[in-house]
């Protein structure tokens, strides 16, 4: 419920150009509403963790794992916080969401972007929308079927690639009505129909940010394939001891042929 509430607030802040709300273009992209979105998101993320504790979805050690993974994600963003699409943080969000569930993945995405924004000085009207988009990436992995072995690796890699493109589109959408100017062929047109503005946005998204989004997708897909099996195994061992995971996330990675399987006491 809390994830749905936060998502609904975020969607309302993002989709207003397509739902008949007419505003004149301005250079102050979400300067007025972004602080309120951020002020709502932070306590809602804390409430989400508290709700998971109350229903038994997480225990105290699970909250500690959330903090550790958020710190790891922050460390991944420090060398290159979004420059040229070099953001190797999304593979970790996807793997954690796969193991610990959608609510955990949403909380991890929002918390990681919030902490890394403070650490790197990236606090601005874009931050709450970064938190939302990363949270959606971490939660959306729940849609990936519960399979094991190489099939799981391939499906998670494909999901990660699509999720990285989605993240780029969301981050374009938050400022496009104001950032494209008022007189270009891809500008937001106050008073125009939803389809006109949608076409303008798609063209803007493809022509301005695909060069950043594709490297982001490729890097994280490679990391899923290369590091995914080992990290999934480690996270699943931790999950069995710290949290009551969602039923769909209990799938065990099938070992590769010839790989020696050791049991955990």
C-alpha atoms as a PDB file:
ATOM      1  CA  UNK A   1       0.000   0.000   0.000  1.00  0.00           C
ATOM      2  CA  UNK A   2       2.778   2.427   0.906  1.00  0.00           C
ATOM      3  CA  UNK A   3       4.636   1.641  -2.322  1.00  0.00           C
ATOM      4  CA  UNK A   4       1.440   2.360  -4.232  1.00  0.00           C
ATOM      5  CA  UNK A   5       0.930   5.650  -2.398  1.00  0.00           C
ATOM      6  CA  UNK A   6       4.472   6.868  -3.082  1.00  0.00           C
ATOM      7  CA  UNK A   7       4.210   5.744  -6.716  1.00  0.00           C
ATOM      8  CA  UNK A   8       0.892   7.537  -7.186  1.00  0.00           C
ATOM      9  CA  UNK A   9       2.363  10.785  -5.848  1.00  0.00           C
ATOM     10  CA  UNK A  10       5.343  10.428  -8.148  1.00  0.00           C
ATOM     11  CA  UNK A  11       3.234   9.654 -11.209  1.00  0.00           C
ATOM     12  CA  UNK A  12       1.065  12.694 -10.559  1.00  0.00           C
ATOM     13  CA  UNK A  13       4.193  14.880 -10.478  1.00  0.00           C
ATOM     14  CA  UNK A  14       5.558  13.338 -13.687  1.00  0.00           C
ATOM     15  CA  UNK A  15       2.558  12.867 -15.942  1.00  0.00           C
ATOM     16  CA  UNK A  16       0.861  16.253 -15.676  1.00  0.00           C
ATOM     17  CA  UNK A  17       1.907  17.272 -19.239  1.00  0.00           C
ATOM     18  CA  UNK A  18      -0.242  14.430 -20.625  1.00  0.00           C
ATOM     19  CA  UNK A  19      -3.367  14.814 -18.486  1.00  0.00           C
ATOM     20  CA  UNK A  20      -4.603  18.209 -19.546  1.00  0.00           C
ATOM     21  CA  UNK A  21      -2.833  20.407 -16.987  1.00  0.00           C
ATOM     22  CA  UNK A  22      -1.590  23.470 -18.837  1.00  0.00           C
ATOM     23  CA  UNK A  23       1.369  25.414 -17.549  1.00  0.00           C
ATOM     24  CA  UNK A  24       3.551  27.895 -19.318  1.00  0.00           C
ATOM     25  CA  UNK A  25       7.134  26.786 -19.792  1.00  0.00           C
ATOM     26  CA  UNK A  26       9.596  28.013 -17.209  1.00  0.00           C
ATOM     27  CA  UNK A  27      13.241  27.412 -16.442  1.00  0.00           C
ATOM     28  CA  UNK A  28      12.445  26.387 -12.845  1.00  0.00           C
ATOM     29  CA  UNK A  29      11.848  22.679 -13.405  1.00  0.00           C
ATOM     30  CA  UNK A  30       9.832  21.312 -10.457  1.00  0.00           C
ATOM     31  CA  UNK A  31      11.477  23.849  -8.161  1.00  0.00           C
ATOM     32  CA  UNK A  32       8.204  24.362  -6.323  1.00  0.00           C
ATOM     33  CA  UNK A  33       6.823  20.839  -6.050  1.00  0.00           C
ATOM     34  CA  UNK A  34      10.035  18.760  -5.797  1.00  0.00           C
ATOM     35  CA  UNK A  35      10.745  19.703  -2.147  1.00  0.00           C
ATOM     36  CA  UNK A  36       7.251  18.525  -1.204  1.00  0.00           C
ATOM     37  CA  UNK A  37       7.721  15.248  -3.085  1.00  0.00           C
ATOM     38  CA  UNK A  38      11.022  14.733  -1.262  1.00  0.00           C
ATOM     39  CA  UNK A  39       9.485  15.587   2.109  1.00  0.00           C
ATOM     40  CA  UNK A  40       6.797  12.978   1.497  1.00  0.00           C
ATOM     41  CA  UNK A  41       9.132  10.318   0.163  1.00  0.00           C
ATOM     42  CA  UNK A  42      11.637  10.160   3.011  1.00  0.00           C
ATOM     43  CA  UNK A  43       9.093   9.504   5.808  1.00  0.00           C
ATOM     44  CA  UNK A  44       7.179   7.123   3.552  1.00  0.00           C
ATOM     45  CA  UNK A  45      10.347   5.101   2.971  1.00  0.00           C
ATOM     46  CA  UNK A  46      10.869   4.949   6.734  1.00  0.00           C
ATOM     47  CA  UNK A  47       7.222   3.946   7.172  1.00  0.00           C
ATOM     48  CA  UNK A  48       7.689   1.233   4.556  1.00  0.00           C
ATOM     49  CA  UNK A  49      10.574  -0.262   6.546  1.00  0.00           C
ATOM     50  CA  UNK A  50       8.532  -0.030   9.748  1.00  0.00           C
ATOM     51  CA  UNK A  51       5.586  -1.761   8.070  1.00  0.00           C
ATOM     52  CA  UNK A  52       7.826  -4.580   6.853  1.00  0.00           C
ATOM     53  CA  UNK A  53       9.124  -5.005  10.403  1.00  0.00           C
ATOM     54  CA  UNK A  54       5.601  -5.069  11.814  1.00  0.00           C
ATOM     55  CA  UNK A  55       4.287  -7.717   9.423  1.00  0.00           C
ATOM     56  CA  UNK A  56       7.383  -9.892   9.713  1.00  0.00           C
ATOM     57  CA  UNK A  57       8.640  -9.166   6.208  1.00  0.00           C
ATOM     58  CA  UNK A  58      11.919  -7.907   7.670  1.00  0.00           C
ATOM     59  CA  UNK A  59      13.662  -8.319  10.980  1.00  0.00           C
ATOM     60  CA  UNK A  60      16.293  -6.055  12.514  1.00  0.00           C
ATOM     61  CA  UNK A  61      19.046  -7.849  10.613  1.00  0.00           C
ATOM     62  CA  UNK A  62      17.113  -7.313   7.391  1.00  0.00           C
ATOM     63  CA  UNK A  63      17.079  -3.563   8.062  1.00  0.00           C
ATOM     64  CA  UNK A  64      20.846  -3.795   8.613  1.00  0.00           C
ATOM     65  CA  UNK A  65      21.181  -5.543   5.248  1.00  0.00           C
ATOM     66  CA  UNK A  66      19.161  -2.705   3.683  1.00  0.00           C
ATOM     67  CA  UNK A  67      21.600  -0.186   5.116  1.00  0.00           C
ATOM     68  CA  UNK A  68      24.644  -2.147   3.961  1.00  0.00           C
ATOM     69  CA  UNK A  69      23.307  -2.521   0.419  1.00  0.00           C
ATOM     70  CA  UNK A  70      22.404   1.182   0.303  1.00  0.00           C
ATOM     71  CA  UNK A  71      25.979   2.005   1.336  1.00  0.00           C
ATOM     72  CA  UNK A  72      27.307  -0.309  -1.392  1.00  0.00           C
ATOM     73  CA  UNK A  73      25.056   1.354  -3.955  1.00  0.00           C
ATOM     74  CA  UNK A  74      26.245   4.778  -2.815  1.00  0.00           C
ATOM     75  CA  UNK A  75      29.868   3.665  -3.238  1.00  0.00           C
ATOM     76  CA  UNK A  76      29.084   2.527  -6.779  1.00  0.00           C
ATOM     77  CA  UNK A  77      27.714   5.978  -7.633  1.00  0.00           C
ATOM     78  CA  UNK A  78      30.536   8.042  -6.129  1.00  0.00           C
ATOM     79  CA  UNK A  79      33.115   7.562  -8.951  1.00  0.00           C
ATOM     80  CA  UNK A  80      30.661   8.594 -11.667  1.00  0.00           C
ATOM     81  CA  UNK A  81      27.216   9.744 -10.479  1.00  0.00           C
ATOM     82  CA  UNK A  82      25.432   9.505 -13.828  1.00  0.00           C
ATOM     83  CA  UNK A  83      28.213  10.946 -16.018  1.00  0.00           C
ATOM     84  CA  UNK A  84      27.981   9.547 -19.564  1.00  0.00           C
ATOM     85  CA  UNK A  85      25.595   6.864 -18.359  1.00  0.00           C
ATOM     86  CA  UNK A  86      28.219   5.191 -16.146  1.00  0.00           C
ATOM     87  CA  UNK A  87      25.921   4.139 -13.304  1.00  0.00           C
ATOM     88  CA  UNK A  88      26.758   0.588 -12.181  1.00  0.00           C
ATOM     89  CA  UNK A  89      24.267   0.705  -9.319  1.00  0.00           C
ATOM     90  CA  UNK A  90      21.187  -0.724 -10.987  1.00  0.00           C
ATOM     91  CA  UNK A  91      22.420  -4.295 -11.180  1.00  0.00           C
ATOM     92  CA  UNK A  92      22.632  -4.316  -7.371  1.00  0.00           C
ATOM     93  CA  UNK A  93      19.095  -2.924  -7.039  1.00  0.00           C
ATOM     94  CA  UNK A  94      17.775  -5.613  -9.374  1.00  0.00           C
ATOM     95  CA  UNK A  95      19.526  -8.479  -7.581  1.00  0.00           C
ATOM     96  CA  UNK A  96      18.447  -7.275  -4.138  1.00  0.00           C
ATOM     97  CA  UNK A  97      14.856  -6.793  -5.283  1.00  0.00           C
ATOM     98  CA  UNK A  98      14.920 -10.283  -6.779  1.00  0.00           C
ATOM     99  CA  UNK A  99      15.907 -11.880  -3.485  1.00  0.00           C
ATOM    100  CA  UNK A 100      14.264  -9.706  -0.825  1.00  0.00           C
ATOM    101  CA  UNK A 101      11.054  -8.706  -2.602  1.00  0.00           C
ATOM    102  CA  UNK A 102       9.466  -5.699  -4.248  1.00  0.00           C
ATOM    103  CA  UNK A 103       9.011  -3.583  -1.101  1.00  0.00           C
ATOM    104  CA  UNK A 104      12.658  -4.065  -0.135  1.00  0.00           C
ATOM    105  CA  UNK A 105      13.773  -3.237  -3.683  1.00  0.00           C
ATOM    106  CA  UNK A 106      11.708  -0.053  -3.710  1.00  0.00           C
ATOM    107  CA  UNK A 107      13.072   1.062  -0.343  1.00  0.00           C
ATOM    108  CA  UNK A 108      16.634   0.231  -1.383  1.00  0.00           C
ATOM    109  CA  UNK A 109      16.373   2.207  -4.613  1.00  0.00           C
ATOM    110  CA  UNK A 110      15.003   5.302  -2.908  1.00  0.00           C
ATOM    111  CA  UNK A 111      17.412   5.127   0.011  1.00  0.00           C
ATOM    112  CA  UNK A 112      20.461   4.561  -2.210  1.00  0.00           C
ATOM    113  CA  UNK A 113      19.743   7.563  -4.408  1.00  0.00           C
ATOM    114  CA  UNK A 114      18.943   9.734  -1.377  1.00  0.00           C
ATOM    115  CA  UNK A 115      22.197   8.907   0.415  1.00  0.00           C
ATOM    116  CA  UNK A 116      24.328   9.111  -2.717  1.00  0.00           C
ATOM    117  CA  UNK A 117      22.759  12.464  -3.595  1.00  0.00           C
ATOM    118  CA  UNK A 118      23.816  13.842  -0.219  1.00  0.00           C
ATOM    119  CA  UNK A 119      27.312  12.307  -0.408  1.00  0.00           C
ATOM    120  CA  UNK A 120      28.018  13.518  -3.964  1.00  0.00           C
ATOM    121  CA  UNK A 121      26.339  16.900  -3.589  1.00  0.00           C
ATOM    122  CA  UNK A 122      23.646  15.906  -6.045  1.00  0.00           C
ATOM    123  CA  UNK A 123      20.748  17.384  -4.081  1.00  0.00           C
ATOM    124  CA  UNK A 124      18.298  19.300  -6.231  1.00  0.00           C
ATOM    125  CA  UNK A 125      14.792  19.183  -7.661  1.00  0.00           C
ATOM    126  CA  UNK A 126      15.786  16.042  -9.562  1.00  0.00           C
ATOM    127  CA  UNK A 127      16.551  13.997  -6.425  1.00  0.00           C
ATOM    128  CA  UNK A 128      13.013  12.866  -5.468  1.00  0.00           C
ATOM    129  CA  UNK A 129      12.428  11.729  -9.050  1.00  0.00           C
ATOM    130  CA  UNK A 130      15.722   9.831  -9.042  1.00  0.00           C
ATOM    131  CA  UNK A 131      14.588   8.136  -5.826  1.00  0.00           C
ATOM    132  CA  UNK A 132      11.238   7.216  -7.355  1.00  0.00           C
ATOM    133  CA  UNK A 133      12.708   5.890 -10.583  1.00  0.00           C
ATOM    134  CA  UNK A 134      15.346   3.814  -8.766  1.00  0.00           C
ATOM    135  CA  UNK A 135      12.673   2.499  -6.404  1.00  0.00           C
ATOM    136  CA  UNK A 136      10.560   1.405  -9.363  1.00  0.00           C
ATOM    137  CA  UNK A 137      13.573  -0.377 -10.846  1.00  0.00           C
ATOM    138  CA  UNK A 138      14.151  -2.276  -7.601  1.00  0.00           C
ATOM    139  CA  UNK A 139      10.474  -3.174  -7.204  1.00  0.00           C
ATOM    140  CA  UNK A 140       9.732  -3.997 -10.844  1.00  0.00           C
ATOM    141  CA  UNK A 141      11.930  -7.095 -10.786  1.00  0.00           C
ATOM    142  CA  UNK A 142       8.955  -8.798  -9.111  1.00  0.00           C
ATOM    143  CA  UNK A 143       7.516  -9.116 -12.628  1.00  0.00           C
ATOM    144  CA  UNK A 144      10.376 -11.415 -13.686  1.00  0.00           C
ATOM    145  CA  UNK A 145       9.218 -15.066 -13.497  1.00  0.00           C
ATOM    146  CA  UNK A 146      10.737 -17.224 -10.767  1.00  0.00           C
ATOM    147  CA  UNK A 147      13.112 -19.404 -12.772  1.00  0.00           C
ATOM    148  CA  UNK A 148      16.611 -20.630 -11.985  1.00  0.00           C
ATOM    149  CA  UNK A 149      19.963 -21.211 -13.597  1.00  0.00           C
ATOM    150  CA  UNK A 150      20.985 -19.542 -16.860  1.00  0.00           C
ATOM    151  CA  UNK A 151      17.374 -18.648 -17.676  1.00  0.00           C
ATOM    152  CA  UNK A 152      17.197 -16.472 -14.570  1.00  0.00           C
ATOM    153  CA  UNK A 153      20.473 -14.784 -15.472  1.00  0.00           C
ATOM    154  CA  UNK A 154      19.274 -13.986 -18.987  1.00  0.00           C
ATOM    155  CA  UNK A 155      15.878 -12.703 -17.857  1.00  0.00           C
ATOM    156  CA  UNK A 156      17.396 -10.522 -15.133  1.00  0.00           C
ATOM    157  CA  UNK A 157      19.886  -9.098 -17.621  1.00  0.00           C
ATOM    158  CA  UNK A 158      17.098  -8.263 -20.079  1.00  0.00           C
ATOM    159  CA  UNK A 159      15.014  -6.714 -17.327  1.00  0.00           C
ATOM    160  CA  UNK A 160      17.998  -4.659 -16.157  1.00  0.00           C
ATOM    161  CA  UNK A 161      18.580  -3.295 -19.661  1.00  0.00           C
ATOM    162  CA  UNK A 162      14.939  -2.263 -20.035  1.00  0.00           C
ATOM    163  CA  UNK A 163      14.879  -0.839 -16.500  1.00  0.00           C
ATOM    164  CA  UNK A 164      17.924   1.341 -17.217  1.00  0.00           C
ATOM    165  CA  UNK A 165      16.223   2.743 -20.324  1.00  0.00           C
ATOM    166  CA  UNK A 166      13.080   3.330 -18.265  1.00  0.00           C
ATOM    167  CA  UNK A 167      15.097   5.190 -15.613  1.00  0.00           C
ATOM    168  CA  UNK A 168      16.546   7.467 -18.281  1.00  0.00           C
ATOM    169  CA  UNK A 169      13.081   8.226 -19.646  1.00  0.00           C
ATOM    170  CA  UNK A 170      11.736   9.094 -16.192  1.00  0.00           C
ATOM    171  CA  UNK A 171      14.640  11.424 -15.556  1.00  0.00           C
ATOM    172  CA  UNK A 172      13.970  13.121 -18.892  1.00  0.00           C
ATOM    173  CA  UNK A 173      10.278  13.429 -18.122  1.00  0.00           C
ATOM    174  CA  UNK A 174      10.757  15.326 -14.875  1.00  0.00           C
ATOM    175  CA  UNK A 175      12.397  18.305 -16.626  1.00  0.00           C
ATOM    176  CA  UNK A 176      11.351  18.007 -20.279  1.00  0.00           C
ATOM    177  CA  UNK A 177       8.391  20.427 -20.079  1.00  0.00           C
ATOM    178  CA  UNK A 178      10.791  23.144 -18.919  1.00  0.00           C
ATOM    179  CA  UNK A 179      14.216  22.083 -20.197  1.00  0.00           C
ATOM    180  CA  UNK A 180      13.520  21.792 -23.931  1.00  0.00           C
ATOM    181  CA  UNK A 181      12.673  25.462 -24.341  1.00  0.00           C
ATOM    182  CA  UNK A 182       9.453  26.784 -25.787  1.00  0.00           C
ATOM    183  CA  UNK A 183      10.147  26.993 -29.520  1.00  0.00           C
ATOM    184  CA  UNK A 184      11.675  23.670 -30.596  1.00  0.00           C
ATOM    185  CA  UNK A 185      10.004  20.771 -32.385  1.00  0.00           C
ATOM    186  CA  UNK A 186      10.299  18.657 -29.222  1.00  0.00           C
ATOM    187  CA  UNK A 187       9.040  21.256 -26.729  1.00  0.00           C
ATOM    188  CA  UNK A 188       6.127  20.821 -24.395  1.00  0.00           C
ATOM    189  CA  UNK A 189       3.138  22.633 -25.911  1.00  0.00           C
ATOM    190  CA  UNK A 190       0.745  24.029 -23.290  1.00  0.00           C
ATOM    191  CA  UNK A 191      -2.814  23.367 -24.330  1.00  0.00           C
ATOM    192  CA  UNK A 192      -1.938  20.726 -26.928  1.00  0.00           C
ATOM    193  CA  UNK A 193      -3.451  17.243 -26.799  1.00  0.00           C
ATOM    194  CA  UNK A 194      -1.822  14.419 -24.841  1.00  0.00           C
ATOM    195  CA  UNK A 195      -0.726  12.604 -28.015  1.00  0.00           C
ATOM    196  CA  UNK A 196       1.042  15.677 -29.420  1.00  0.00           C
ATOM    197  CA  UNK A 197       3.034  16.170 -26.243  1.00  0.00           C
ATOM    198  CA  UNK A 198       3.701  12.440 -25.967  1.00  0.00           C
ATOM    199  CA  UNK A 199       5.230  12.363 -29.465  1.00  0.00           C
ATOM    200  CA  UNK A 200       7.317  15.434 -28.646  1.00  0.00           C
ATOM    201  CA  UNK A 201       8.579  13.778 -25.488  1.00  0.00           C
ATOM    202  CA  UNK A 202       9.495  10.505 -27.222  1.00  0.00           C
ATOM    203  CA  UNK A 203      11.500  12.378 -29.860  1.00  0.00           C
ATOM    204  CA  UNK A 204      13.175  14.448 -27.151  1.00  0.00           C
ATOM    205  CA  UNK A 205      14.020  11.323 -25.149  1.00  0.00           C
ATOM    206  CA  UNK A 206      15.519   9.462 -28.117  1.00  0.00           C
ATOM    207  CA  UNK A 207      17.520  12.372 -29.507  1.00  0.00           C
ATOM    208  CA  UNK A 208      18.932  13.767 -26.266  1.00  0.00           C
ATOM    209  CA  UNK A 209      19.541  10.885 -23.879  1.00  0.00           C
ATOM    210  CA  UNK A 210      19.801   7.572 -25.703  1.00  0.00           C
ATOM    211  CA  UNK A 211      23.581   7.988 -25.839  1.00  0.00           C
ATOM    212  CA  UNK A 212      23.599   7.987 -22.023  1.00  0.00           C
ATOM    213  CA  UNK A 213      20.899   5.377 -21.475  1.00  0.00           C
ATOM    214  CA  UNK A 214      22.383   2.671 -23.719  1.00  0.00           C
ATOM    215  CA  UNK A 215      25.803   2.626 -21.956  1.00  0.00           C
ATOM    216  CA  UNK A 216      24.007   2.511 -18.607  1.00  0.00           C
ATOM    217  CA  UNK A 217      21.960  -0.463 -19.791  1.00  0.00           C
ATOM    218  CA  UNK A 218      24.950  -2.275 -21.290  1.00  0.00           C
ATOM    219  CA  UNK A 219      27.170  -1.857 -18.214  1.00  0.00           C
ATOM    220  CA  UNK A 220      24.539  -3.139 -15.816  1.00  0.00           C
ATOM    221  CA  UNK A 221      23.580  -6.057 -18.084  1.00  0.00           C
ATOM    222  CA  UNK A 222      27.216  -7.151 -18.231  1.00  0.00           C
ATOM    223  CA  UNK A 223      27.479  -6.915 -14.442  1.00  0.00           C
ATOM    224  CA  UNK A 224      24.325  -9.034 -14.039  1.00  0.00           C
ATOM    225  CA  UNK A 225      25.769 -11.754 -16.267  1.00  0.00           C
ATOM    226  CA  UNK A 226      29.269 -11.642 -14.770  1.00  0.00           C
ATOM    227  CA  UNK A 227      28.532 -11.120 -11.067  1.00  0.00           C
ATOM    228  CA  UNK A 228      24.860 -12.053 -10.765  1.00  0.00           C
ATOM    229  CA  UNK A 229      25.181 -15.745  -9.808  1.00  0.00           C
ATOM    230  CA  UNK A 230      27.674 -15.117  -7.008  1.00  0.00           C
ATOM    231  CA  UNK A 231      25.804 -12.113  -5.591  1.00  0.00           C
ATOM    232  CA  UNK A 232      22.426 -13.863  -5.820  1.00  0.00           C
ATOM    233  CA  UNK A 233      23.805 -16.862  -3.937  1.00  0.00           C
ATOM    234  CA  UNK A 234      25.234 -14.631  -1.203  1.00  0.00           C
ATOM    235  CA  UNK A 235      22.046 -12.585  -0.881  1.00  0.00           C
ATOM    236  CA  UNK A 236      19.885 -15.707  -0.714  1.00  0.00           C
ATOM    237  CA  UNK A 237      22.024 -17.196   2.044  1.00  0.00           C
ATOM    238  CA  UNK A 238      21.651 -13.935   3.954  1.00  0.00           C
ATOM    239  CA  UNK A 239      17.896 -13.758   3.272  1.00  0.00           C
ATOM    240  CA  UNK A 240      17.262 -17.192   4.726  1.00  0.00           C
ATOM    241  CA  UNK A 241      18.778 -15.994   8.005  1.00  0.00           C
ATOM    242  CA  UNK A 242      17.461 -12.438   8.169  1.00  0.00           C
ATOM    243  CA  UNK A 243      14.061 -12.029   6.527  1.00  0.00           C
ATOM    244  CA  UNK A 244      10.903 -13.833   5.561  1.00  0.00           C
ATOM    245  CA  UNK A 245      11.185 -13.412   1.800  1.00  0.00           C
ATOM    246  CA  UNK A 246       8.246 -13.217  -0.595  1.00  0.00           C
ATOM    247  CA  UNK A 247       7.152 -16.613  -1.958  1.00  0.00           C
ATOM    248  CA  UNK A 248       8.073 -15.729  -5.549  1.00  0.00           C
ATOM    249  CA  UNK A 249      11.639 -14.886  -4.508  1.00  0.00           C
ATOM    250  CA  UNK A 250      12.408 -18.270  -2.968  1.00  0.00           C
ATOM    251  CA  UNK A 251      13.616 -19.744  -6.260  1.00  0.00           C
ATOM    252  CA  UNK A 252      17.096 -21.181  -5.810  1.00  0.00           C
ATOM    253  CA  UNK A 253      19.697 -20.565  -8.472  1.00  0.00           C
ATOM    254  CA  UNK A 254      20.364 -23.792 -10.285  1.00  0.00           C
ATOM    255  CA  UNK A 255      24.092 -24.563 -10.302  1.00  0.00           C
ATOM    256  CA  UNK A 256      25.893 -24.674 -13.590  1.00  0.00           C
ATOM    257  CA  UNK A 257      26.861 -28.121 -14.830  1.00  0.00           C
ATOM    258  CA  UNK A 258      30.057 -29.222 -13.192  1.00  0.00           C
ATOM    259  CA  UNK A 259      29.814 -26.578 -10.463  1.00  0.00           C
ATOM    260  CA  UNK A 260      30.383 -27.961  -6.973  1.00  0.00           C
ATOM    261  CA  UNK A 261      27.557 -27.190  -4.559  1.00  0.00           C
ATOM    262  CA  UNK A 262      28.381 -26.768  -0.890  1.00  0.00           C
ATOM    263  CA  UNK A 263      25.845 -26.725   1.869  1.00  0.00           C
ATOM    264  CA  UNK A 264      25.612 -24.010   4.478  1.00  0.00           C
ATOM    265  CA  UNK A 265      25.509 -25.298   8.065  1.00  0.00           C
END
